[in-house]
N, C-alpha and C. Protein backbone atom coordinates (compact mmCIF):
# COMPACT_ATOMS: atom_id res chain seq x y z
N MET A 1 -175.06 70.18 -146.14
CA MET A 1 -174.70 68.86 -146.61
C MET A 1 -174.37 68.89 -148.10
N THR A 2 -175.14 69.69 -148.86
CA THR A 2 -174.92 69.78 -150.29
C THR A 2 -173.54 70.33 -150.60
N HIS A 3 -173.14 71.36 -149.81
CA HIS A 3 -171.81 71.96 -150.02
C HIS A 3 -170.71 70.93 -149.76
N VAL A 4 -170.91 70.12 -148.72
CA VAL A 4 -169.93 69.08 -148.41
C VAL A 4 -169.85 68.07 -149.53
N GLN A 5 -171.01 67.64 -150.04
CA GLN A 5 -171.04 66.67 -151.12
C GLN A 5 -170.41 67.24 -152.38
N ASP A 6 -170.70 68.51 -152.66
CA ASP A 6 -170.11 69.15 -153.84
C ASP A 6 -168.60 69.22 -153.71
N GLY A 7 -168.13 69.53 -152.51
CA GLY A 7 -166.69 69.59 -152.28
C GLY A 7 -166.02 68.25 -152.48
N GLU A 8 -166.67 67.19 -151.98
CA GLU A 8 -166.12 65.85 -152.15
C GLU A 8 -166.09 65.45 -153.62
N ALA A 9 -167.13 65.84 -154.36
CA ALA A 9 -167.19 65.53 -155.79
C ALA A 9 -166.07 66.23 -156.55
N VAL A 10 -165.82 67.47 -156.18
CA VAL A 10 -164.74 68.22 -156.83
C VAL A 10 -163.39 67.58 -156.53
N ARG A 11 -163.16 67.22 -155.27
CA ARG A 11 -161.90 66.58 -154.91
C ARG A 11 -161.71 65.25 -155.63
N ARG A 12 -162.81 64.51 -155.76
CA ARG A 12 -162.74 63.23 -156.44
C ARG A 12 -162.40 63.42 -157.92
N ARG A 13 -163.04 64.41 -158.55
CA ARG A 13 -162.73 64.68 -159.96
C ARG A 13 -161.28 65.12 -160.15
N LYS A 14 -160.80 65.94 -159.24
CA LYS A 14 -159.40 66.39 -159.33
C LYS A 14 -158.43 65.23 -159.15
N ALA A 15 -158.77 64.34 -158.21
CA ALA A 15 -157.91 63.18 -157.99
C ALA A 15 -157.91 62.27 -159.21
N GLU A 16 -159.07 62.08 -159.82
CA GLU A 16 -159.17 61.24 -161.01
C GLU A 16 -158.40 61.85 -162.17
N GLN A 17 -158.50 63.18 -162.31
CA GLN A 17 -157.76 63.86 -163.37
C GLN A 17 -156.25 63.74 -163.14
N SER A 18 -155.86 63.86 -161.88
CA SER A 18 -154.44 63.73 -161.54
C SER A 18 -153.93 62.33 -161.88
N ASP A 19 -154.74 61.32 -161.56
CA ASP A 19 -154.36 59.94 -161.86
C ASP A 19 -154.25 59.73 -163.36
N ARG A 20 -155.18 60.32 -164.13
CA ARG A 20 -155.14 60.17 -165.59
C ARG A 20 -153.91 60.85 -166.18
N THR A 21 -153.57 62.01 -165.63
CA THR A 21 -152.39 62.73 -166.11
C THR A 21 -151.13 61.92 -165.85
N ARG A 22 -151.03 61.38 -164.65
CA ARG A 22 -149.85 60.58 -164.31
C ARG A 22 -149.76 59.34 -165.20
N ALA A 23 -150.90 58.68 -165.39
CA ALA A 23 -150.91 57.47 -166.22
C ALA A 23 -150.52 57.80 -167.66
N ALA A 24 -150.98 58.94 -168.16
CA ALA A 24 -150.64 59.34 -169.53
C ALA A 24 -149.15 59.61 -169.67
N LEU A 25 -148.57 60.26 -168.68
CA LEU A 25 -147.14 60.54 -168.71
C LEU A 25 -146.32 59.25 -168.69
N VAL A 26 -146.72 58.32 -167.85
CA VAL A 26 -146.00 57.04 -167.76
C VAL A 26 -146.14 56.26 -169.07
N ALA A 27 -147.35 56.23 -169.63
CA ALA A 27 -147.57 55.48 -170.87
C ALA A 27 -146.77 56.05 -172.04
N VAL A 28 -146.78 57.37 -172.16
CA VAL A 28 -146.04 58.02 -173.25
C VAL A 28 -144.53 57.83 -173.05
N ALA A 29 -144.08 58.03 -171.82
CA ALA A 29 -142.65 57.87 -171.54
C ALA A 29 -142.21 56.44 -171.81
N ARG A 30 -143.03 55.49 -171.45
CA ARG A 30 -142.70 54.08 -171.69
C ARG A 30 -142.50 53.82 -173.18
N ALA A 31 -143.40 54.32 -173.99
CA ALA A 31 -143.30 54.11 -175.44
C ALA A 31 -142.06 54.79 -176.02
N LEU A 32 -141.79 56.01 -175.58
CA LEU A 32 -140.62 56.74 -176.10
C LEU A 32 -139.31 56.16 -175.60
N PHE A 33 -139.27 55.79 -174.31
CA PHE A 33 -138.05 55.17 -173.78
C PHE A 33 -137.76 53.86 -174.50
N ALA A 34 -138.79 53.09 -174.80
CA ALA A 34 -138.61 51.81 -175.49
C ALA A 34 -138.11 52.03 -176.91
N GLU A 35 -138.62 53.06 -177.56
CA GLU A 35 -138.26 53.31 -178.96
C GLU A 35 -136.90 54.00 -179.11
N ARG A 36 -136.64 55.00 -178.27
CA ARG A 36 -135.46 55.84 -178.45
C ARG A 36 -134.43 55.70 -177.34
N GLY A 37 -134.80 55.06 -176.26
CA GLY A 37 -133.91 54.99 -175.11
C GLY A 37 -134.06 56.22 -174.24
N TYR A 38 -133.55 56.12 -173.01
CA TYR A 38 -133.68 57.22 -172.06
C TYR A 38 -132.94 58.47 -172.55
N ALA A 39 -131.71 58.31 -172.98
CA ALA A 39 -130.91 59.46 -173.39
C ALA A 39 -131.48 60.14 -174.63
N GLY A 40 -132.14 59.37 -175.48
CA GLY A 40 -132.67 59.93 -176.72
C GLY A 40 -134.06 60.52 -176.60
N THR A 41 -134.60 60.57 -175.40
CA THR A 41 -135.95 61.09 -175.18
C THR A 41 -135.89 62.36 -174.35
N ALA A 42 -136.45 63.44 -174.87
CA ALA A 42 -136.47 64.71 -174.16
C ALA A 42 -137.78 64.86 -173.39
N THR A 43 -137.73 65.54 -172.26
CA THR A 43 -138.95 65.74 -171.47
C THR A 43 -139.99 66.53 -172.26
N GLU A 44 -139.53 67.45 -173.13
CA GLU A 44 -140.48 68.23 -173.93
C GLU A 44 -141.28 67.33 -174.86
N GLU A 45 -140.64 66.30 -175.41
CA GLU A 45 -141.35 65.34 -176.25
C GLU A 45 -142.41 64.58 -175.45
N ILE A 46 -142.07 64.26 -174.24
CA ILE A 46 -143.00 63.50 -173.40
C ILE A 46 -144.24 64.32 -173.09
N VAL A 47 -144.06 65.55 -172.66
CA VAL A 47 -145.23 66.35 -172.28
C VAL A 47 -146.09 66.67 -173.51
N GLN A 48 -145.46 66.91 -174.65
CA GLN A 48 -146.23 67.19 -175.85
C GLN A 48 -147.05 65.98 -176.27
N ALA A 49 -146.42 64.80 -176.26
CA ALA A 49 -147.12 63.58 -176.66
C ALA A 49 -148.24 63.22 -175.68
N ALA A 50 -148.03 63.55 -174.41
CA ALA A 50 -149.04 63.25 -173.39
C ALA A 50 -150.13 64.31 -173.35
N GLY A 51 -149.89 65.45 -174.00
CA GLY A 51 -150.89 66.52 -174.02
C GLY A 51 -151.03 67.23 -172.69
N VAL A 52 -149.92 67.37 -171.97
CA VAL A 52 -149.93 68.05 -170.68
C VAL A 52 -148.84 69.12 -170.66
N THR A 53 -148.83 69.91 -169.61
CA THR A 53 -147.81 70.95 -169.47
C THR A 53 -146.57 70.40 -168.79
N ARG A 54 -145.47 71.14 -168.93
CA ARG A 54 -144.25 70.75 -168.22
C ARG A 54 -144.49 70.81 -166.70
N GLY A 55 -145.32 71.76 -166.26
CA GLY A 55 -145.63 71.85 -164.85
C GLY A 55 -146.32 70.60 -164.34
N ALA A 56 -147.17 70.01 -165.18
CA ALA A 56 -147.86 68.77 -164.78
C ALA A 56 -146.86 67.63 -164.60
N LEU A 57 -145.86 67.60 -165.48
CA LEU A 57 -144.83 66.58 -165.35
C LEU A 57 -144.10 66.69 -164.01
N TYR A 58 -143.70 67.92 -163.67
CA TYR A 58 -142.93 68.11 -162.44
C TYR A 58 -143.81 68.12 -161.19
N HIS A 59 -145.11 68.16 -161.39
CA HIS A 59 -146.02 67.97 -160.25
C HIS A 59 -146.01 66.50 -159.81
N HIS A 60 -145.91 65.62 -160.78
CA HIS A 60 -145.97 64.18 -160.49
C HIS A 60 -144.60 63.54 -160.31
N PHE A 61 -143.57 64.10 -160.96
CA PHE A 61 -142.25 63.49 -160.92
C PHE A 61 -141.19 64.56 -160.69
N ARG A 62 -140.16 64.22 -159.93
CA ARG A 62 -139.09 65.17 -159.65
C ARG A 62 -138.37 65.59 -160.92
N ASP A 63 -138.12 64.60 -161.78
CA ASP A 63 -137.36 64.84 -162.99
C ASP A 63 -137.55 63.66 -163.93
N LYS A 64 -136.84 63.66 -165.04
CA LYS A 64 -136.98 62.58 -166.01
C LYS A 64 -136.57 61.24 -165.42
N GLN A 65 -135.55 61.24 -164.58
CA GLN A 65 -135.11 59.99 -163.96
C GLN A 65 -136.20 59.40 -163.07
N ASP A 66 -136.91 60.27 -162.34
CA ASP A 66 -138.00 59.81 -161.48
C ASP A 66 -139.13 59.21 -162.33
N LEU A 67 -139.40 59.82 -163.47
CA LEU A 67 -140.40 59.28 -164.40
C LEU A 67 -139.94 57.93 -164.95
N PHE A 68 -138.67 57.83 -165.27
CA PHE A 68 -138.14 56.55 -165.76
C PHE A 68 -138.32 55.46 -164.70
N GLU A 69 -138.06 55.80 -163.44
CA GLU A 69 -138.23 54.80 -162.39
C GLU A 69 -139.68 54.32 -162.31
N ALA A 70 -140.62 55.24 -162.51
CA ALA A 70 -142.03 54.84 -162.49
C ALA A 70 -142.33 53.87 -163.63
N VAL A 71 -141.76 54.14 -164.81
CA VAL A 71 -141.94 53.23 -165.95
C VAL A 71 -141.30 51.88 -165.65
N TYR A 72 -140.12 51.92 -165.08
CA TYR A 72 -139.39 50.69 -164.74
C TYR A 72 -140.19 49.84 -163.73
N ARG A 73 -140.73 50.50 -162.73
CA ARG A 73 -141.52 49.79 -161.73
C ARG A 73 -142.79 49.19 -162.35
N GLU A 74 -143.40 49.92 -163.27
CA GLU A 74 -144.58 49.39 -163.94
C GLU A 74 -144.24 48.11 -164.71
N LEU A 75 -143.13 48.14 -165.42
CA LEU A 75 -142.71 46.95 -166.16
C LEU A 75 -142.37 45.80 -165.23
N GLN A 76 -141.70 46.10 -164.12
CA GLN A 76 -141.36 45.05 -163.16
C GLN A 76 -142.62 44.44 -162.55
N THR A 77 -143.62 45.27 -162.30
CA THR A 77 -144.90 44.76 -161.79
C THR A 77 -145.55 43.81 -162.77
N GLU A 78 -145.52 44.18 -164.05
CA GLU A 78 -146.09 43.32 -165.09
C GLU A 78 -145.30 42.01 -165.21
N LEU A 79 -143.98 42.11 -165.15
CA LEU A 79 -143.15 40.91 -165.22
C LEU A 79 -143.45 39.96 -164.07
N ARG A 80 -143.56 40.52 -162.88
CA ARG A 80 -143.87 39.70 -161.70
C ARG A 80 -145.21 38.98 -161.88
N ALA A 81 -146.21 39.69 -162.38
CA ALA A 81 -147.53 39.09 -162.58
C ALA A 81 -147.47 37.96 -163.60
N ARG A 82 -146.70 38.15 -164.67
CA ARG A 82 -146.56 37.11 -165.69
C ARG A 82 -145.85 35.88 -165.13
N ILE A 83 -144.84 36.11 -164.32
CA ILE A 83 -144.11 34.99 -163.72
C ILE A 83 -145.00 34.20 -162.78
N VAL A 84 -145.75 34.91 -161.95
CA VAL A 84 -146.67 34.23 -161.02
C VAL A 84 -147.70 33.42 -161.80
N GLN A 85 -148.23 33.99 -162.88
CA GLN A 85 -149.21 33.28 -163.69
C GLN A 85 -148.60 32.03 -164.32
N ALA A 86 -147.37 32.14 -164.79
CA ALA A 86 -146.71 31.00 -165.42
C ALA A 86 -146.51 29.86 -164.44
N THR A 87 -146.20 30.20 -163.18
CA THR A 87 -145.96 29.15 -162.18
C THR A 87 -147.24 28.41 -161.82
N ARG A 88 -148.38 29.02 -162.03
CA ARG A 88 -149.65 28.40 -161.66
C ARG A 88 -150.11 27.36 -162.67
N VAL A 89 -149.49 27.34 -163.84
CA VAL A 89 -149.89 26.40 -164.89
C VAL A 89 -149.45 24.98 -164.55
N GLU A 90 -148.28 24.86 -163.94
CA GLU A 90 -147.71 23.54 -163.65
C GLU A 90 -148.22 22.99 -162.31
N ALA A 91 -148.44 21.69 -162.28
CA ALA A 91 -148.88 21.05 -161.04
C ALA A 91 -147.70 20.70 -160.14
N ASP A 92 -146.61 20.26 -160.75
CA ASP A 92 -145.42 19.86 -160.00
C ASP A 92 -144.68 21.10 -159.49
N VAL A 93 -144.30 21.10 -158.22
CA VAL A 93 -143.69 22.28 -157.61
C VAL A 93 -142.36 22.63 -158.26
N TRP A 94 -141.58 21.60 -158.64
CA TRP A 94 -140.30 21.87 -159.29
C TRP A 94 -140.51 22.53 -160.65
N GLU A 95 -141.50 22.04 -161.39
CA GLU A 95 -141.78 22.59 -162.71
C GLU A 95 -142.36 24.01 -162.60
N ARG A 96 -143.02 24.30 -161.50
CA ARG A 96 -143.52 25.66 -161.29
C ARG A 96 -142.35 26.65 -161.20
N VAL A 97 -141.36 26.27 -160.43
CA VAL A 97 -140.18 27.13 -160.28
C VAL A 97 -139.47 27.29 -161.63
N ARG A 98 -139.30 26.20 -162.32
CA ARG A 98 -138.65 26.23 -163.63
C ARG A 98 -139.44 27.14 -164.59
N ALA A 99 -140.77 27.02 -164.56
CA ALA A 99 -141.61 27.83 -165.45
C ALA A 99 -141.44 29.33 -165.17
N GLY A 100 -141.27 29.67 -163.90
CA GLY A 100 -141.06 31.07 -163.54
C GLY A 100 -139.78 31.61 -164.13
N PHE A 101 -138.70 30.83 -164.04
CA PHE A 101 -137.44 31.24 -164.64
C PHE A 101 -137.57 31.42 -166.15
N HIS A 102 -138.21 30.46 -166.79
CA HIS A 102 -138.32 30.53 -168.25
C HIS A 102 -139.24 31.66 -168.71
N GLU A 103 -140.23 31.97 -167.92
CA GLU A 103 -141.10 33.10 -168.28
C GLU A 103 -140.28 34.39 -168.28
N TYR A 104 -139.42 34.56 -167.28
CA TYR A 104 -138.60 35.77 -167.25
C TYR A 104 -137.64 35.80 -168.44
N LEU A 105 -137.06 34.67 -168.77
CA LEU A 105 -136.16 34.63 -169.93
C LEU A 105 -136.92 34.92 -171.23
N ASP A 106 -138.15 34.45 -171.32
CA ASP A 106 -138.97 34.77 -172.50
C ASP A 106 -139.24 36.27 -172.59
N ARG A 107 -139.54 36.88 -171.45
CA ARG A 107 -139.80 38.33 -171.44
C ARG A 107 -138.54 39.11 -171.83
N SER A 108 -137.36 38.53 -171.62
CA SER A 108 -136.11 39.19 -171.97
C SER A 108 -135.95 39.35 -173.47
N MET A 109 -136.79 38.67 -174.24
CA MET A 109 -136.76 38.80 -175.69
C MET A 109 -137.62 39.97 -176.18
N ASP A 110 -138.44 40.53 -175.30
CA ASP A 110 -139.30 41.66 -175.65
C ASP A 110 -138.45 42.92 -175.79
N PRO A 111 -138.51 43.62 -176.92
CA PRO A 111 -137.69 44.81 -177.12
C PRO A 111 -137.90 45.90 -176.06
N THR A 112 -139.13 46.05 -175.57
CA THR A 112 -139.39 47.05 -174.53
C THR A 112 -138.69 46.68 -173.23
N VAL A 113 -138.79 45.43 -172.85
CA VAL A 113 -138.11 44.95 -171.64
C VAL A 113 -136.60 45.06 -171.82
N GLN A 114 -136.11 44.68 -172.97
CA GLN A 114 -134.67 44.76 -173.22
C GLN A 114 -134.17 46.19 -173.04
N ARG A 115 -134.85 47.13 -173.69
CA ARG A 115 -134.36 48.51 -173.69
C ARG A 115 -134.46 49.14 -172.31
N ILE A 116 -135.63 49.04 -171.68
CA ILE A 116 -135.88 49.76 -170.43
C ILE A 116 -135.33 49.01 -169.22
N VAL A 117 -135.67 47.74 -169.09
CA VAL A 117 -135.33 46.97 -167.88
C VAL A 117 -133.88 46.53 -167.89
N LEU A 118 -133.41 46.04 -169.03
CA LEU A 118 -132.10 45.40 -169.05
C LEU A 118 -130.96 46.33 -169.50
N ILE A 119 -131.23 47.24 -170.41
CA ILE A 119 -130.16 48.09 -170.93
C ILE A 119 -130.07 49.43 -170.20
N ASP A 120 -131.17 50.17 -170.15
CA ASP A 120 -131.12 51.52 -169.60
C ASP A 120 -131.18 51.59 -168.08
N ALA A 121 -131.97 50.72 -167.46
CA ALA A 121 -132.21 50.84 -166.01
C ALA A 121 -130.94 50.87 -165.16
N PRO A 122 -129.98 49.97 -165.37
CA PRO A 122 -128.78 50.00 -164.51
C PRO A 122 -128.03 51.33 -164.57
N SER A 123 -127.92 51.91 -165.77
CA SER A 123 -127.16 53.16 -165.90
C SER A 123 -127.99 54.37 -165.48
N VAL A 124 -129.28 54.38 -165.79
CA VAL A 124 -130.13 55.53 -165.47
C VAL A 124 -130.35 55.63 -163.95
N LEU A 125 -130.66 54.51 -163.33
CA LEU A 125 -130.98 54.51 -161.91
C LEU A 125 -129.73 54.42 -161.02
N GLY A 126 -128.64 53.96 -161.58
CA GLY A 126 -127.46 53.70 -160.77
C GLY A 126 -127.52 52.28 -160.25
N TRP A 127 -126.34 51.67 -160.10
CA TRP A 127 -126.30 50.24 -159.78
C TRP A 127 -127.02 49.92 -158.48
N GLU A 128 -126.80 50.71 -157.44
CA GLU A 128 -127.40 50.39 -156.13
C GLU A 128 -128.91 50.50 -156.17
N ARG A 129 -129.43 51.57 -156.78
CA ARG A 129 -130.89 51.76 -156.85
C ARG A 129 -131.52 50.67 -157.73
N TRP A 130 -130.86 50.40 -158.85
CA TRP A 130 -131.37 49.36 -159.75
C TRP A 130 -131.43 48.01 -159.06
N ARG A 131 -130.37 47.65 -158.34
CA ARG A 131 -130.34 46.37 -157.64
C ARG A 131 -131.40 46.32 -156.54
N ALA A 132 -131.60 47.44 -155.86
CA ALA A 132 -132.59 47.46 -154.79
C ALA A 132 -133.99 47.21 -155.33
N ILE A 133 -134.34 47.85 -156.43
CA ILE A 133 -135.67 47.68 -157.02
C ILE A 133 -135.81 46.27 -157.61
N ASP A 134 -134.76 45.82 -158.29
CA ASP A 134 -134.78 44.49 -158.87
C ASP A 134 -134.99 43.44 -157.78
N GLY A 135 -134.28 43.63 -156.66
CA GLY A 135 -134.44 42.71 -155.54
C GLY A 135 -135.81 42.78 -154.91
N GLU A 136 -136.36 43.99 -154.85
CA GLU A 136 -137.70 44.21 -154.28
C GLU A 136 -138.75 43.37 -154.99
N PHE A 137 -138.63 43.28 -156.31
CA PHE A 137 -139.61 42.54 -157.08
C PHE A 137 -139.28 41.06 -157.20
N ALA A 138 -138.00 40.72 -157.32
CA ALA A 138 -137.63 39.35 -157.64
C ALA A 138 -137.28 38.48 -156.45
N LEU A 139 -136.63 39.07 -155.44
CA LEU A 139 -136.16 38.25 -154.33
C LEU A 139 -137.28 37.55 -153.57
N GLY A 140 -138.38 38.25 -153.38
CA GLY A 140 -139.50 37.65 -152.67
C GLY A 140 -140.02 36.41 -153.38
N LEU A 141 -140.12 36.51 -154.71
CA LEU A 141 -140.57 35.35 -155.50
C LEU A 141 -139.58 34.20 -155.38
N LEU A 142 -138.30 34.52 -155.46
CA LEU A 142 -137.29 33.47 -155.38
C LEU A 142 -137.27 32.80 -154.01
N ARG A 143 -137.36 33.61 -152.97
CA ARG A 143 -137.37 33.04 -151.61
C ARG A 143 -138.56 32.09 -151.45
N ALA A 144 -139.72 32.55 -151.88
CA ALA A 144 -140.93 31.73 -151.74
C ALA A 144 -140.80 30.43 -152.52
N GLY A 145 -140.26 30.52 -153.75
CA GLY A 145 -140.09 29.32 -154.57
C GLY A 145 -139.12 28.34 -153.96
N MET A 146 -137.98 28.85 -153.47
CA MET A 146 -136.99 27.97 -152.88
C MET A 146 -137.48 27.34 -151.57
N GLU A 147 -138.20 28.12 -150.79
CA GLU A 147 -138.74 27.59 -149.53
C GLU A 147 -139.75 26.48 -149.82
N ARG A 148 -140.56 26.67 -150.84
CA ARG A 148 -141.54 25.64 -151.21
C ARG A 148 -140.82 24.36 -151.65
N LEU A 149 -139.75 24.52 -152.42
CA LEU A 149 -138.99 23.34 -152.86
C LEU A 149 -138.40 22.60 -151.67
N ARG A 150 -137.93 23.34 -150.69
CA ARG A 150 -137.37 22.69 -149.51
C ARG A 150 -138.46 21.97 -148.72
N GLN A 151 -139.61 22.60 -148.58
CA GLN A 151 -140.71 21.96 -147.86
C GLN A 151 -141.16 20.67 -148.55
N GLU A 152 -141.08 20.65 -149.88
CA GLU A 152 -141.48 19.47 -150.64
C GLU A 152 -140.40 18.40 -150.67
N GLY A 153 -139.22 18.72 -150.11
CA GLY A 153 -138.13 17.75 -150.05
C GLY A 153 -137.32 17.60 -151.32
N VAL A 154 -137.47 18.54 -152.26
CA VAL A 154 -136.71 18.44 -153.51
C VAL A 154 -135.51 19.39 -153.52
N LEU A 155 -135.29 20.05 -152.39
CA LEU A 155 -134.13 20.91 -152.22
C LEU A 155 -133.46 20.52 -150.92
N ASP A 156 -132.14 20.39 -150.93
CA ASP A 156 -131.44 19.98 -149.72
C ASP A 156 -131.76 20.89 -148.55
N ALA A 157 -132.06 20.28 -147.40
CA ALA A 157 -132.48 21.04 -146.23
C ALA A 157 -131.39 21.96 -145.70
N GLY A 158 -130.13 21.63 -145.95
CA GLY A 158 -129.04 22.43 -145.40
C GLY A 158 -128.72 23.68 -146.18
N ILE A 159 -129.34 23.86 -147.32
CA ILE A 159 -129.05 25.04 -148.16
C ILE A 159 -129.67 26.28 -147.56
N SER A 160 -128.91 27.38 -147.54
CA SER A 160 -129.44 28.66 -147.08
C SER A 160 -130.35 29.25 -148.15
N ILE A 161 -131.63 29.40 -147.81
CA ILE A 161 -132.59 29.95 -148.77
C ILE A 161 -132.21 31.39 -149.15
N GLU A 162 -131.76 32.17 -148.17
CA GLU A 162 -131.41 33.56 -148.44
C GLU A 162 -130.24 33.64 -149.41
N HIS A 163 -129.18 32.91 -149.12
CA HIS A 163 -128.02 32.95 -150.00
C HIS A 163 -128.34 32.41 -151.39
N LEU A 164 -129.07 31.32 -151.44
CA LEU A 164 -129.43 30.72 -152.72
C LEU A 164 -130.28 31.67 -153.55
N SER A 165 -131.22 32.36 -152.91
CA SER A 165 -132.09 33.28 -153.63
C SER A 165 -131.30 34.42 -154.27
N HIS A 166 -130.32 34.94 -153.53
CA HIS A 166 -129.48 36.00 -154.08
C HIS A 166 -128.65 35.49 -155.26
N LEU A 167 -128.12 34.27 -155.13
CA LEU A 167 -127.33 33.71 -156.21
C LEU A 167 -128.19 33.47 -157.45
N LEU A 168 -129.39 32.97 -157.25
CA LEU A 168 -130.28 32.72 -158.38
C LEU A 168 -130.72 34.02 -159.05
N LEU A 169 -130.89 35.07 -158.25
CA LEU A 169 -131.21 36.37 -158.82
C LEU A 169 -130.09 36.81 -159.76
N GLY A 170 -128.85 36.58 -159.34
CA GLY A 170 -127.72 36.90 -160.20
C GLY A 170 -127.71 36.08 -161.47
N VAL A 171 -128.05 34.80 -161.35
CA VAL A 171 -128.07 33.91 -162.52
C VAL A 171 -129.08 34.39 -163.54
N VAL A 172 -130.31 34.61 -163.10
CA VAL A 172 -131.37 34.98 -164.05
C VAL A 172 -131.15 36.38 -164.60
N SER A 173 -130.58 37.27 -163.78
CA SER A 173 -130.29 38.62 -164.26
C SER A 173 -129.24 38.59 -165.36
N GLU A 174 -128.15 37.86 -165.13
CA GLU A 174 -127.10 37.77 -166.15
C GLU A 174 -127.60 37.03 -167.39
N ALA A 175 -128.41 36.01 -167.18
CA ALA A 175 -128.96 35.26 -168.31
C ALA A 175 -129.80 36.17 -169.20
N SER A 176 -130.62 37.00 -168.59
CA SER A 176 -131.47 37.91 -169.36
C SER A 176 -130.65 38.95 -170.11
N HIS A 177 -129.55 39.42 -169.51
CA HIS A 177 -128.68 40.38 -170.18
C HIS A 177 -127.95 39.73 -171.36
N VAL A 178 -127.57 38.48 -171.21
CA VAL A 178 -126.95 37.77 -172.33
C VAL A 178 -127.92 37.69 -173.50
N ILE A 179 -129.16 37.37 -173.22
CA ILE A 179 -130.19 37.27 -174.27
C ILE A 179 -130.40 38.62 -174.93
N ALA A 180 -130.56 39.66 -174.12
CA ALA A 180 -130.84 40.99 -174.65
C ALA A 180 -129.71 41.52 -175.52
N GLY A 181 -128.47 41.17 -175.19
CA GLY A 181 -127.33 41.68 -175.92
C GLY A 181 -126.85 40.81 -177.07
N ALA A 182 -127.55 39.70 -177.31
CA ALA A 182 -127.10 38.75 -178.33
C ALA A 182 -127.42 39.22 -179.74
N ALA A 183 -126.57 38.86 -180.69
CA ALA A 183 -126.84 39.16 -182.09
C ALA A 183 -128.01 38.32 -182.60
N ASP A 184 -128.09 37.08 -182.12
CA ASP A 184 -129.19 36.17 -182.47
C ASP A 184 -129.96 35.88 -181.18
N VAL A 185 -130.98 36.67 -180.91
CA VAL A 185 -131.71 36.57 -179.64
C VAL A 185 -132.38 35.20 -179.46
N PRO A 186 -133.12 34.66 -180.45
CA PRO A 186 -133.74 33.35 -180.24
C PRO A 186 -132.73 32.24 -179.95
N ALA A 187 -131.59 32.28 -180.64
CA ALA A 187 -130.57 31.25 -180.40
C ALA A 187 -130.00 31.39 -178.99
N ALA A 188 -129.75 32.63 -178.57
CA ALA A 188 -129.24 32.85 -177.22
C ALA A 188 -130.25 32.41 -176.18
N ARG A 189 -131.53 32.65 -176.46
CA ARG A 189 -132.58 32.24 -175.51
C ARG A 189 -132.57 30.72 -175.34
N ARG A 190 -132.44 29.99 -176.44
CA ARG A 190 -132.43 28.52 -176.35
C ARG A 190 -131.23 28.02 -175.56
N GLU A 191 -130.06 28.57 -175.88
CA GLU A 191 -128.84 28.11 -175.22
C GLU A 191 -128.84 28.47 -173.74
N VAL A 192 -129.17 29.72 -173.45
CA VAL A 192 -129.19 30.17 -172.05
C VAL A 192 -130.24 29.40 -171.26
N GLY A 193 -131.39 29.19 -171.87
CA GLY A 193 -132.44 28.43 -171.19
C GLY A 193 -131.99 27.04 -170.81
N GLY A 194 -131.25 26.37 -171.72
CA GLY A 194 -130.73 25.05 -171.42
C GLY A 194 -129.73 25.06 -170.29
N LEU A 195 -128.88 26.08 -170.25
CA LEU A 195 -127.89 26.20 -169.18
C LEU A 195 -128.56 26.47 -167.83
N VAL A 196 -129.60 27.30 -167.84
CA VAL A 196 -130.33 27.57 -166.60
C VAL A 196 -130.99 26.30 -166.09
N ASP A 197 -131.53 25.50 -167.00
CA ASP A 197 -132.13 24.22 -166.60
C ASP A 197 -131.08 23.31 -165.93
N ARG A 198 -129.90 23.26 -166.50
CA ARG A 198 -128.84 22.42 -165.94
C ARG A 198 -128.43 22.94 -164.55
N PHE A 199 -128.39 24.26 -164.42
CA PHE A 199 -128.05 24.85 -163.12
C PHE A 199 -129.11 24.48 -162.07
N LEU A 200 -130.38 24.62 -162.44
CA LEU A 200 -131.47 24.30 -161.51
C LEU A 200 -131.47 22.81 -161.15
N ASP A 201 -131.27 21.97 -162.16
CA ASP A 201 -131.28 20.51 -161.90
C ASP A 201 -130.19 20.11 -160.92
N ALA A 202 -129.07 20.85 -160.93
CA ALA A 202 -127.97 20.52 -160.03
C ALA A 202 -128.34 20.80 -158.56
N LEU A 203 -129.38 21.58 -158.34
CA LEU A 203 -129.79 21.91 -156.98
C LEU A 203 -130.71 20.86 -156.36
N ARG A 204 -131.24 19.99 -157.19
CA ARG A 204 -132.21 19.02 -156.68
C ARG A 204 -131.57 18.05 -155.71
N ALA A 205 -132.31 17.76 -154.65
CA ALA A 205 -131.84 16.77 -153.68
C ALA A 205 -131.79 15.41 -154.34
N ARG A 206 -130.72 14.69 -154.09
CA ARG A 206 -130.53 13.37 -154.72
C ARG A 206 -130.98 12.25 -153.79
């Protein structure tokens, strides 16, 4: 029994070490990608800053692009959590949906989000992969929000939730790119936010 317990303890320690190594690689890569961009970051810099070997990097990730995707997914997970939290602040269902949109636009002002999520991700991952991951995180939230609006009677019953969700994903995606690429980011955020509000208000059942 002791040998079995010792073996389990060793496996647990190895698994914990593996998790720490992976987390360190993702954290370091995230910081470097945000500061220098994907193209300006070498894998050798990542492993040195993380204090691991190149072999450890390729044990966890196929290549630098695979590591970038892990960073991108981590940021998308954080964005989703922030959006969900923002929607819980409002009591009115319509204002909850609006708050979710504005939270994402606010996050678009973050330099890390701008560089990794909005600027580098489409080119590094390729348009199809980028859209698939973006949809994986965002479409579910949009569908749920639109369905809730319809159930509450503030969205026309005849509107296709699926089609509307895809269109809204395009709206918020383009809006965030406009903000990220603007010379005056705060001014662009105010203007784009107002336009998004007008777009959303046009969907309300009369």
